[in-house]
PDB file of N, CA and C in Angstrom:
ATOM      1  N   UNK A   1      -1.869  30.117   8.047  1.00  0.00           N
ATOM      2  CA  UNK A   1      -2.168  28.982   8.888  1.00  0.00           C
ATOM      3  C   UNK A   1      -2.226  27.720   8.020  1.00  0.00           C
ATOM      4  N   UNK A   2      -1.580  26.658   8.493  1.00  0.00           N
ATOM      5  CA  UNK A   2      -1.562  25.407   7.738  1.00  0.00           C
ATOM      6  C   UNK A   2      -2.875  24.667   7.888  1.00  0.00           C
ATOM      7  N   UNK A   3      -3.281  24.037   6.796  1.00  0.00           N
ATOM      8  CA  UNK A   3      -4.491  23.217   6.782  1.00  0.00           C
ATOM      9  C   UNK A   3      -4.107  21.777   7.113  1.00  0.00           C
ATOM     10  N   UNK A   4      -4.884  21.121   7.948  1.00  0.00           N
ATOM     11  CA  UNK A   4      -4.634  19.726   8.315  1.00  0.00           C
ATOM     12  C   UNK A   4      -5.404  18.816   7.360  1.00  0.00           C
ATOM     13  N   UNK A   5      -4.715  17.837   6.781  1.00  0.00           N
ATOM     14  CA  UNK A   5      -5.339  16.829   5.937  1.00  0.00           C
ATOM     15  C   UNK A   5      -5.095  15.468   6.570  1.00  0.00           C
ATOM     16  N   UNK A   6      -6.042  14.570   6.402  1.00  0.00           N
ATOM     17  CA  UNK A   6      -5.935  13.228   6.966  1.00  0.00           C
ATOM     18  C   UNK A   6      -5.676  12.225   5.852  1.00  0.00           C
ATOM     19  N   UNK A   7      -4.707  11.352   6.072  1.00  0.00           N
ATOM     20  CA  UNK A   7      -4.359  10.302   5.131  1.00  0.00           C
ATOM     21  C   UNK A   7      -4.280   8.975   5.879  1.00  0.00           C
ATOM     22  N   UNK A   8      -4.347   7.892   5.135  1.00  0.00           N
ATOM     23  CA  UNK A   8      -4.233   6.556   5.701  1.00  0.00           C
ATOM     24  C   UNK A   8      -2.768   6.149   5.741  1.00  0.00           C
ATOM     25  N   UNK A   9      -2.357   5.507   6.822  1.00  0.00           N
ATOM     26  CA  UNK A   9      -1.013   4.945   6.937  1.00  0.00           C
ATOM     27  C   UNK A   9      -1.148   3.454   7.211  1.00  0.00           C
ATOM     28  N   UNK A  10      -0.584   2.645   6.348  1.00  0.00           N
ATOM     29  CA  UNK A  10      -0.545   1.203   6.535  1.00  0.00           C
ATOM     30  C   UNK A  10       0.905   0.853   6.847  1.00  0.00           C
ATOM     31  N   UNK A  11       1.131   0.264   8.003  1.00  0.00           N
ATOM     32  CA  UNK A  11       2.494  -0.037   8.435  1.00  0.00           C
ATOM     33  C   UNK A  11       2.612  -1.540   8.660  1.00  0.00           C
ATOM     34  N   UNK A  12       3.640  -2.120   8.054  1.00  0.00           N
ATOM     35  CA  UNK A  12       3.860  -3.549   8.244  1.00  0.00           C
ATOM     36  C   UNK A  12       5.339  -3.834   8.418  1.00  0.00           C
ATOM     37  N   UNK A  13       5.606  -4.912   9.124  1.00  0.00           N
ATOM     38  CA  UNK A  13       6.988  -5.312   9.359  1.00  0.00           C
ATOM     39  C   UNK A  13       7.534  -5.997   8.114  1.00  0.00           C
ATOM     40  N   UNK A  14       8.738  -5.624   7.731  1.00  0.00           N
ATOM     41  CA  UNK A  14       9.458  -6.284   6.641  1.00  0.00           C
ATOM     42  C   UNK A  14      10.869  -6.557   7.131  1.00  0.00           C
ATOM     43  N   UNK A  15      11.105  -7.791   7.512  1.00  0.00           N
ATOM     44  CA  UNK A  15      12.426  -8.142   8.031  1.00  0.00           C
ATOM     45  C   UNK A  15      12.687  -7.438   9.340  1.00  0.00           C
ATOM     46  N   UNK A  16      13.766  -6.662   9.384  1.00  0.00           N
ATOM     47  CA  UNK A  16      14.160  -5.970  10.611  1.00  0.00           C
ATOM     48  C   UNK A  16      13.609  -4.558  10.714  1.00  0.00           C
ATOM     49  N   UNK A  17      12.816  -4.117   9.731  1.00  0.00           N
ATOM     50  CA  UNK A  17      12.296  -2.754   9.788  1.00  0.00           C
ATOM     51  C   UNK A  17      10.797  -2.750   9.522  1.00  0.00           C
ATOM     52  N   UNK A  18      10.218  -1.566   9.509  1.00  0.00           N
ATOM     53  CA  UNK A  18       8.796  -1.389   9.248  1.00  0.00           C
ATOM     54  C   UNK A  18       8.634  -0.494   8.028  1.00  0.00           C
ATOM     55  N   UNK A  19       7.710  -0.868   7.166  1.00  0.00           N
ATOM     56  CA  UNK A  19       7.429  -0.093   5.961  1.00  0.00           C
ATOM     57  C   UNK A  19       6.059   0.546   6.130  1.00  0.00           C
ATOM     58  N   UNK A  20       5.976   1.836   5.841  1.00  0.00           N
ATOM     59  CA  UNK A  20       4.730   2.593   5.962  1.00  0.00           C
ATOM     60  C   UNK A  20       4.308   3.053   4.571  1.00  0.00           C
ATOM     61  N   UNK A  21       3.016   2.888   4.282  1.00  0.00           N
ATOM     62  CA  UNK A  21       2.480   3.251   2.977  1.00  0.00           C
ATOM     63  C   UNK A  21       1.273   4.156   3.145  1.00  0.00           C
ATOM     64  N   UNK A  22       1.209   5.206   2.348  1.00  0.00           N
ATOM     65  CA  UNK A  22       0.030   6.056   2.250  1.00  0.00           C
ATOM     66  C   UNK A  22      -0.623   5.732   0.912  1.00  0.00           C
ATOM     67  N   UNK A  23      -1.709   4.932   0.919  1.00  0.00           N
ATOM     68  CA  UNK A  23      -2.313   4.523  -0.348  1.00  0.00           C
ATOM     69  C   UNK A  23      -2.967   5.656  -1.125  1.00  0.00           C
ATOM     70  N   UNK A  24      -3.406   6.707  -0.450  1.00  0.00           N
ATOM     71  CA  UNK A  24      -4.045   7.821  -1.166  1.00  0.00           C
ATOM     72  C   UNK A  24      -3.093   8.513  -2.131  1.00  0.00           C
ATOM     73  N   UNK A  25      -1.804   8.548  -1.782  1.00  0.00           N
ATOM     74  CA  UNK A  25      -0.821   9.233  -2.616  1.00  0.00           C
ATOM     75  C   UNK A  25       0.232   8.284  -3.184  1.00  0.00           C
ATOM     76  N   UNK A  26       0.163   7.012  -2.826  1.00  0.00           N
ATOM     77  CA  UNK A  26       1.142   6.015  -3.232  1.00  0.00           C
ATOM     78  C   UNK A  26       2.551   6.453  -2.836  1.00  0.00           C
ATOM     79  N   UNK A  27       2.690   6.805  -1.570  1.00  0.00           N
ATOM     80  CA  UNK A  27       3.970   7.219  -1.005  1.00  0.00           C
ATOM     81  C   UNK A  27       4.320   6.240   0.101  1.00  0.00           C
ATOM     82  N   UNK A  28       5.585   5.835   0.143  1.00  0.00           N
ATOM     83  CA  UNK A  28       6.029   4.890   1.161  1.00  0.00           C
ATOM     84  C   UNK A  28       7.290   5.404   1.832  1.00  0.00           C
ATOM     85  N   UNK A  29       7.516   4.931   3.049  1.00  0.00           N
ATOM     86  CA  UNK A  29       8.732   5.217   3.793  1.00  0.00           C
ATOM     87  C   UNK A  29       8.991   4.034   4.705  1.00  0.00           C
ATOM     88  N   UNK A  30      10.017   4.119   5.518  1.00  0.00           N
ATOM     89  CA  UNK A  30      10.332   3.024   6.423  1.00  0.00           C
ATOM     90  C   UNK A  30      11.017   3.544   7.669  1.00  0.00           C
ATOM     91  N   UNK A  31      11.162   2.667   8.648  1.00  0.00           N
ATOM     92  CA  UNK A  31      11.846   3.006   9.888  1.00  0.00           C
ATOM     93  C   UNK A  31      12.152   1.749  10.671  1.00  0.00           C
ATOM     94  N   UNK A  32      12.956   1.906  11.707  1.00  0.00           N
ATOM     95  CA  UNK A  32      13.332   0.769  12.547  1.00  0.00           C
ATOM     96  C   UNK A  32      12.236   0.381  13.527  1.00  0.00           C
ATOM     97  N   UNK A  33      11.299   1.296  13.794  1.00  0.00           N
ATOM     98  CA  UNK A  33      10.167   1.027  14.675  1.00  0.00           C
ATOM     99  C   UNK A  33       8.897   1.490  13.969  1.00  0.00           C
ATOM    100  N   UNK A  34       7.759   1.088  14.505  1.00  0.00           N
ATOM    101  CA  UNK A  34       6.479   1.534  13.937  1.00  0.00           C
ATOM    102  C   UNK A  34       6.398   3.053  13.984  1.00  0.00           C
ATOM    103  N   UNK A  35       6.743   3.632  15.112  1.00  0.00           N
ATOM    104  CA  UNK A  35       6.651   5.090  15.257  1.00  0.00           C
ATOM    105  C   UNK A  35       7.610   5.813  14.321  1.00  0.00           C
ATOM    106  N   UNK A  36       8.818   5.294  14.150  1.00  0.00           N
ATOM    107  CA  UNK A  36       9.767   5.920  13.229  1.00  0.00           C
ATOM    108  C   UNK A  36       9.263   5.827  11.786  1.00  0.00           C
ATOM    109  N   UNK A  37       8.706   4.681  11.402  1.00  0.00           N
ATOM    110  CA  UNK A  37       8.145   4.536  10.062  1.00  0.00           C
ATOM    111  C   UNK A  37       6.997   5.518   9.864  1.00  0.00           C
ATOM    112  N   UNK A  38       6.169   5.685  10.897  1.00  0.00           N
ATOM    113  CA  UNK A  38       5.049   6.637  10.834  1.00  0.00           C
ATOM    114  C   UNK A  38       5.554   8.069  10.665  1.00  0.00           C
ATOM    115  N   UNK A  39       6.534   8.466  11.480  1.00  0.00           N
ATOM    116  CA  UNK A  39       7.100   9.825  11.371  1.00  0.00           C
ATOM    117  C   UNK A  39       7.736  10.052  10.004  1.00  0.00           C
ATOM    118  N   UNK A  40       8.462   9.043   9.508  1.00  0.00           N
ATOM    119  CA  UNK A  40       9.111   9.178   8.196  1.00  0.00           C
ATOM    120  C   UNK A  40       8.088   9.280   7.074  1.00  0.00           C
ATOM    121  N   UNK A  41       6.975   8.564   7.208  1.00  0.00           N
ATOM    122  CA  UNK A  41       5.910   8.672   6.211  1.00  0.00           C
ATOM    123  C   UNK A  41       5.295  10.067   6.228  1.00  0.00           C
ATOM    124  N   UNK A  42       5.046  10.597   7.410  1.00  0.00           N
ATOM    125  CA  UNK A  42       4.507  11.964   7.523  1.00  0.00           C
ATOM    126  C   UNK A  42       5.447  12.953   6.839  1.00  0.00           C
ATOM    127  N   UNK A  43       6.737  12.810   7.093  1.00  0.00           N
ATOM    128  CA  UNK A  43       7.721  13.706   6.478  1.00  0.00           C
ATOM    129  C   UNK A  43       7.715  13.560   4.955  1.00  0.00           C
ATOM    130  N   UNK A  44       7.622  12.325   4.463  1.00  0.00           N
ATOM    131  CA  UNK A  44       7.609  12.092   3.012  1.00  0.00           C
ATOM    132  C   UNK A  44       6.363  12.697   2.372  1.00  0.00           C
ATOM    133  N   UNK A  45       5.222  12.572   3.041  1.00  0.00           N
ATOM    134  CA  UNK A  45       3.980  13.160   2.512  1.00  0.00           C
ATOM    135  C   UNK A  45       4.084  14.672   2.499  1.00  0.00           C
ATOM    136  N   UNK A  46       4.568  15.256   3.597  1.00  0.00           N
ATOM    137  CA  UNK A  46       4.703  16.715   3.666  1.00  0.00           C
ATOM    138  C   UNK A  46       5.633  17.231   2.577  1.00  0.00           C
ATOM    139  N   UNK A  47       6.767  16.550   2.376  1.00  0.00           N
ATOM    140  CA  UNK A  47       7.707  16.974   1.331  1.00  0.00           C
ATOM    141  C   UNK A  47       7.082  16.866  -0.054  1.00  0.00           C
ATOM    142  N   UNK A  48       6.350  15.789  -0.293  1.00  0.00           N
ATOM    143  CA  UNK A  48       5.688  15.630  -1.589  1.00  0.00           C
ATOM    144  C   UNK A  48       4.694  16.761  -1.806  1.00  0.00           C
ATOM    145  N   UNK A  49       3.847  17.027  -0.816  1.00  0.00           N
ATOM    146  CA  UNK A  49       2.817  18.058  -0.978  1.00  0.00           C
ATOM    147  C   UNK A  49       3.414  19.456  -1.129  1.00  0.00           C
ATOM    148  N   UNK A  50       4.582  19.688  -0.522  1.00  0.00           N
ATOM    149  CA  UNK A  50       5.240  20.994  -0.631  1.00  0.00           C
ATOM    150  C   UNK A  50       5.934  21.191  -1.979  1.00  0.00           C
ATOM    151  N   UNK A  51       6.415  20.098  -2.582  1.00  0.00           N
ATOM    152  CA  UNK A  51       7.249  20.255  -3.778  1.00  0.00           C
ATOM    153  C   UNK A  51       6.578  19.842  -5.084  1.00  0.00           C
ATOM    154  N   UNK A  52       5.571  19.037  -5.022  1.00  0.00           N
ATOM    155  CA  UNK A  52       4.939  18.541  -6.254  1.00  0.00           C
ATOM    156  C   UNK A  52       4.066  19.608  -6.892  1.00  0.00           C
ATOM    157  N   UNK A  53       3.971  19.539  -8.200  1.00  0.00           N
ATOM    158  CA  UNK A  53       3.047  20.406  -8.926  1.00  0.00           C
ATOM    159  C   UNK A  53       1.619  20.023  -8.531  1.00  0.00           C
ATOM    160  N   UNK A  54       0.718  20.988  -8.451  1.00  0.00           N
ATOM    161  CA  UNK A  54      -0.678  20.665  -8.107  1.00  0.00           C
ATOM    162  C   UNK A  54      -1.286  19.592  -9.011  1.00  0.00           C
ATOM    163  N   UNK A  55      -0.912  19.583 -10.280  1.00  0.00           N
ATOM    164  CA  UNK A  55      -1.455  18.576 -11.195  1.00  0.00           C
ATOM    165  C   UNK A  55      -0.972  17.172 -10.820  1.00  0.00           C
ATOM    166  N   UNK A  56       0.285  17.054 -10.347  1.00  0.00           N
ATOM    167  CA  UNK A  56       0.799  15.750  -9.933  1.00  0.00           C
ATOM    168  C   UNK A  56       0.085  15.257  -8.680  1.00  0.00           C
ATOM    169  N   UNK A  57      -0.166  16.176  -7.748  1.00  0.00           N
ATOM    170  CA  UNK A  57      -0.907  15.810  -6.539  1.00  0.00           C
ATOM    171  C   UNK A  57      -2.294  15.313  -6.935  1.00  0.00           C
ATOM    172  N   UNK A  58      -2.969  16.026  -7.812  1.00  0.00           N
ATOM    173  CA  UNK A  58      -4.321  15.639  -8.244  1.00  0.00           C
ATOM    174  C   UNK A  58      -4.317  14.294  -8.958  1.00  0.00           C
ATOM    175  N   UNK A  59      -3.293  14.044  -9.785  1.00  0.00           N
ATOM    176  CA  UNK A  59      -3.205  12.772 -10.513  1.00  0.00           C
ATOM    177  C   UNK A  59      -2.995  11.590  -9.585  1.00  0.00           C
ATOM    178  N   UNK A  60      -2.251  11.794  -8.504  1.00  0.00           N
ATOM    179  CA  UNK A  60      -1.930  10.685  -7.598  1.00  0.00           C
ATOM    180  C   UNK A  60      -2.956  10.512  -6.487  1.00  0.00           C
ATOM    181  N   UNK A  61      -3.668  11.552  -6.154  1.00  0.00           N
ATOM    182  CA  UNK A  61      -4.569  11.527  -5.004  1.00  0.00           C
ATOM    183  C   UNK A  61      -5.770  10.623  -5.252  1.00  0.00           C
ATOM    184  N   UNK A  62      -5.965   9.686  -4.370  1.00  0.00           N
ATOM    185  CA  UNK A  62      -7.141   8.803  -4.386  1.00  0.00           C
ATOM    186  C   UNK A  62      -8.069   9.294  -3.296  1.00  0.00           C
ATOM    187  N   UNK A  63      -9.279   9.683  -3.671  1.00  0.00           N
ATOM    188  CA  UNK A  63     -10.192  10.291  -2.700  1.00  0.00           C
ATOM    189  C   UNK A  63     -10.853   9.271  -1.788  1.00  0.00           C
ATOM    190  N   UNK A  64     -10.939   8.021  -2.240  1.00  0.00           N
ATOM    191  CA  UNK A  64     -11.571   7.005  -1.413  1.00  0.00           C
ATOM    192  C   UNK A  64     -10.636   5.805  -1.263  1.00  0.00           C
ATOM    193  N   UNK A  65     -10.251   5.533  -0.039  1.00  0.00           N
ATOM    194  CA  UNK A  65      -9.455   4.357   0.291  1.00  0.00           C
ATOM    195  C   UNK A  65     -10.168   3.671   1.437  1.00  0.00           C
ATOM    196  N   UNK A  66     -10.428   2.394   1.270  1.00  0.00           N
ATOM    197  CA  UNK A  66     -11.131   1.635   2.300  1.00  0.00           C
ATOM    198  C   UNK A  66     -10.192   0.592   2.877  1.00  0.00           C
ATOM    199  N   UNK A  67     -10.083   0.556   4.176  1.00  0.00           N
ATOM    200  CA  UNK A  67      -9.281  -0.444   4.857  1.00  0.00           C
ATOM    201  C   UNK A  67     -10.249  -1.369   5.576  1.00  0.00           C
ATOM    202  N   UNK A  68     -10.191  -2.637   5.231  1.00  0.00           N
ATOM    203  CA  UNK A  68     -11.112  -3.609   5.804  1.00  0.00           C
ATOM    204  C   UNK A  68     -10.417  -4.955   5.854  1.00  0.00           C
ATOM    205  N   UNK A  69     -11.066  -5.925   6.423  1.00  0.00           N
ATOM    206  CA  UNK A  69     -10.533  -7.283   6.395  1.00  0.00           C
ATOM    207  C   UNK A  69     -11.416  -8.123   5.480  1.00  0.00           C
ATOM    208  N   UNK A  70     -10.848  -9.168   4.959  1.00  0.00           N
ATOM    209  CA  UNK A  70     -11.592 -10.078   4.108  1.00  0.00           C
ATOM    210  C   UNK A  70     -11.420 -11.489   4.645  1.00  0.00           C
ATOM    211  N   UNK A  71     -12.406 -12.324   4.385  1.00  0.00           N
ATOM    212  CA  UNK A  71     -12.363 -13.716   4.806  1.00  0.00           C
ATOM    213  C   UNK A  71     -12.134 -14.569   3.575  1.00  0.00           C
ATOM    214  N   UNK A  72     -11.121 -15.433   3.615  1.00  0.00           N
ATOM    215  CA  UNK A  72     -10.739 -16.237   2.467  1.00  0.00           C
ATOM    216  C   UNK A  72     -10.658 -17.693   2.891  1.00  0.00           C
ATOM    217  N   UNK A  73     -11.285 -18.574   2.128  1.00  0.00           N
ATOM    218  CA  UNK A  73     -11.185 -20.007   2.384  1.00  0.00           C
ATOM    219  C   UNK A  73      -9.842 -20.499   1.863  1.00  0.00           C
ATOM    220  N   UNK A  74      -9.108 -21.218   2.680  1.00  0.00           N
ATOM    221  CA  UNK A  74      -7.791 -21.715   2.306  1.00  0.00           C
ATOM    222  C   UNK A  74      -7.814 -23.237   2.405  1.00  0.00           C
ATOM    223  N   UNK A  75      -7.330 -23.881   1.404  1.00  0.00           N
ATOM    224  CA  UNK A  75      -7.278 -25.336   1.397  1.00  0.00           C
ATOM    225  C   UNK A  75      -6.885 -25.820   0.031  1.00  0.00           C
ATOM    226  N   UNK A  76      -6.972 -27.106  -0.175  1.00  0.00           N
ATOM    227  CA  UNK A  76      -6.575 -27.651  -1.471  1.00  0.00           C
ATOM    228  C   UNK A  76      -7.636 -27.321  -2.513  1.00  0.00           C
ATOM    229  N   UNK A  77      -7.161 -27.050  -3.693  1.00  0.00           N
ATOM    230  CA  UNK A  77      -8.053 -26.768  -4.819  1.00  0.00           C
ATOM    231  C   UNK A  77      -8.336 -28.103  -5.488  1.00  0.00           C
ATOM    232  N   UNK A  78      -9.611 -28.456  -5.580  1.00  0.00           N
ATOM    233  CA  UNK A  78      -9.967 -29.756  -6.134  1.00  0.00           C
ATOM    234  C   UNK A  78     -10.169 -29.710  -7.633  1.00  0.00           C
ATOM    235  N   UNK A  79     -10.331 -28.532  -8.199  1.00  0.00           N
ATOM    236  CA  UNK A  79     -10.497 -28.431  -9.641  1.00  0.00           C
ATOM    237  C   UNK A  79      -9.632 -27.291 -10.151  1.00  0.00           C
ATOM    238  N   UNK A  80      -9.087 -27.431 -11.348  1.00  0.00           N
ATOM    239  CA  UNK A  80      -8.278 -26.343 -11.904  1.00  0.00           C
ATOM    240  C   UNK A  80      -9.150 -25.127 -12.184  1.00  0.00           C
ATOM    241  N   UNK A  81      -8.556 -23.964 -12.100  1.00  0.00           N
ATOM    242  CA  UNK A  81      -9.300 -22.746 -12.404  1.00  0.00           C
ATOM    243  C   UNK A  81      -8.757 -22.143 -13.688  1.00  0.00           C
ATOM    244  N   UNK A  82      -9.659 -21.560 -14.439  1.00  0.00           N
ATOM    245  CA  UNK A  82      -9.284 -20.918 -15.692  1.00  0.00           C
ATOM    246  C   UNK A  82      -9.287 -21.883 -16.850  1.00  0.00           C
ATOM    247  N   UNK A  83      -9.121 -21.364 -18.056  1.00  0.00           N
ATOM    248  CA  UNK A  83      -9.130 -22.203 -19.255  1.00  0.00           C
ATOM    249  C   UNK A  83      -7.859 -23.046 -19.349  1.00  0.00           C
ATOM    250  N   UNK A  84      -7.882 -24.141 -20.107  1.00  0.00           N
ATOM    251  CA  UNK A  84      -6.680 -24.956 -20.295  1.00  0.00           C
ATOM    252  C   UNK A  84      -5.532 -24.093 -20.806  1.00  0.00           C
ATOM    253  N   UNK A  85      -4.343 -24.383 -20.373  1.00  0.00           N
ATOM    254  CA  UNK A  85      -3.173 -23.583 -20.750  1.00  0.00           C
ATOM    255  C   UNK A  85      -2.900 -22.512 -19.719  1.00  0.00           C
ATOM    256  N   UNK A  86      -3.925 -21.760 -19.360  1.00  0.00           N
ATOM    257  CA  UNK A  86      -3.776 -20.730 -18.331  1.00  0.00           C
ATOM    258  C   UNK A  86      -3.563 -21.386 -16.981  1.00  0.00           C
ATOM    259  N   UNK A  87      -4.153 -22.563 -16.797  1.00  0.00           N
ATOM    260  CA  UNK A  87      -4.002 -23.275 -15.528  1.00  0.00           C
ATOM    261  C   UNK A  87      -2.538 -23.521 -15.241  1.00  0.00           C
ATOM    262  N   UNK A  88      -1.779 -23.969 -16.245  1.00  0.00           N
ATOM    263  CA  UNK A  88      -0.366 -24.262 -16.044  1.00  0.00           C
ATOM    264  C   UNK A  88       0.431 -23.010 -15.730  1.00  0.00           C
ATOM    265  N   UNK A  89       0.131 -21.902 -16.399  1.00  0.00           N
ATOM    266  CA  UNK A  89       0.877 -20.670 -16.136  1.00  0.00           C
ATOM    267  C   UNK A  89       0.555 -20.130 -14.760  1.00  0.00           C
ATOM    268  N   UNK A  90      -0.693 -20.243 -14.319  1.00  0.00           N
ATOM    269  CA  UNK A  90      -1.036 -19.777 -12.975  1.00  0.00           C
ATOM    270  C   UNK A  90      -0.397 -20.670 -11.920  1.00  0.00           C
ATOM    271  N   UNK A  91      -0.386 -21.970 -12.158  1.00  0.00           N
ATOM    272  CA  UNK A  91       0.203 -22.891 -11.194  1.00  0.00           C
ATOM    273  C   UNK A  91       1.690 -22.552 -11.023  1.00  0.00           C
ATOM    274  N   UNK A  92       2.381 -22.247 -12.106  1.00  0.00           N
ATOM    275  CA  UNK A  92       3.794 -21.885 -12.029  1.00  0.00           C
ATOM    276  C   UNK A  92       3.975 -20.565 -11.287  1.00  0.00           C
ATOM    277  N   UNK A  93       3.040 -19.662 -11.460  1.00  0.00           N
ATOM    278  CA  UNK A  93       3.134 -18.349 -10.792  1.00  0.00           C
ATOM    279  C   UNK A  93       3.017 -18.476  -9.286  1.00  0.00           C
ATOM    280  N   UNK A  94       2.220 -19.422  -8.800  1.00  0.00           N
ATOM    281  CA  UNK A  94       1.989 -19.573  -7.372  1.00  0.00           C
ATOM    282  C   UNK A  94       3.070 -20.386  -6.666  1.00  0.00           C
ATOM    283  N   UNK A  95       4.031 -20.920  -7.377  1.00  0.00           N
ATOM    284  CA  UNK A  95       5.092 -21.716  -6.735  1.00  0.00           C
ATOM    285  C   UNK A  95       6.067 -20.863  -6.013  1.00  0.00           C
TER     286      UNK A  95
END
């Protein structure tokens, strides 16, 4: 008898398709619809669990994954952040 395990699926739209991610195992898949991406992710997880060495599963498995929302203030930054020099590299990174 097969054992049922529960994993998290995060699905987001990317262009014309949907990408599904299982953060506990760092496995991703995609599909043309949310449901197709979900089914493809399930298949990818099942294939991984069937074929991977137990040590690889243990190395990749994250036992605690929290999905929540965060509140972030957005607006103009009135003062530079970080030490001099780093400010310029960060500013270039955000462009």
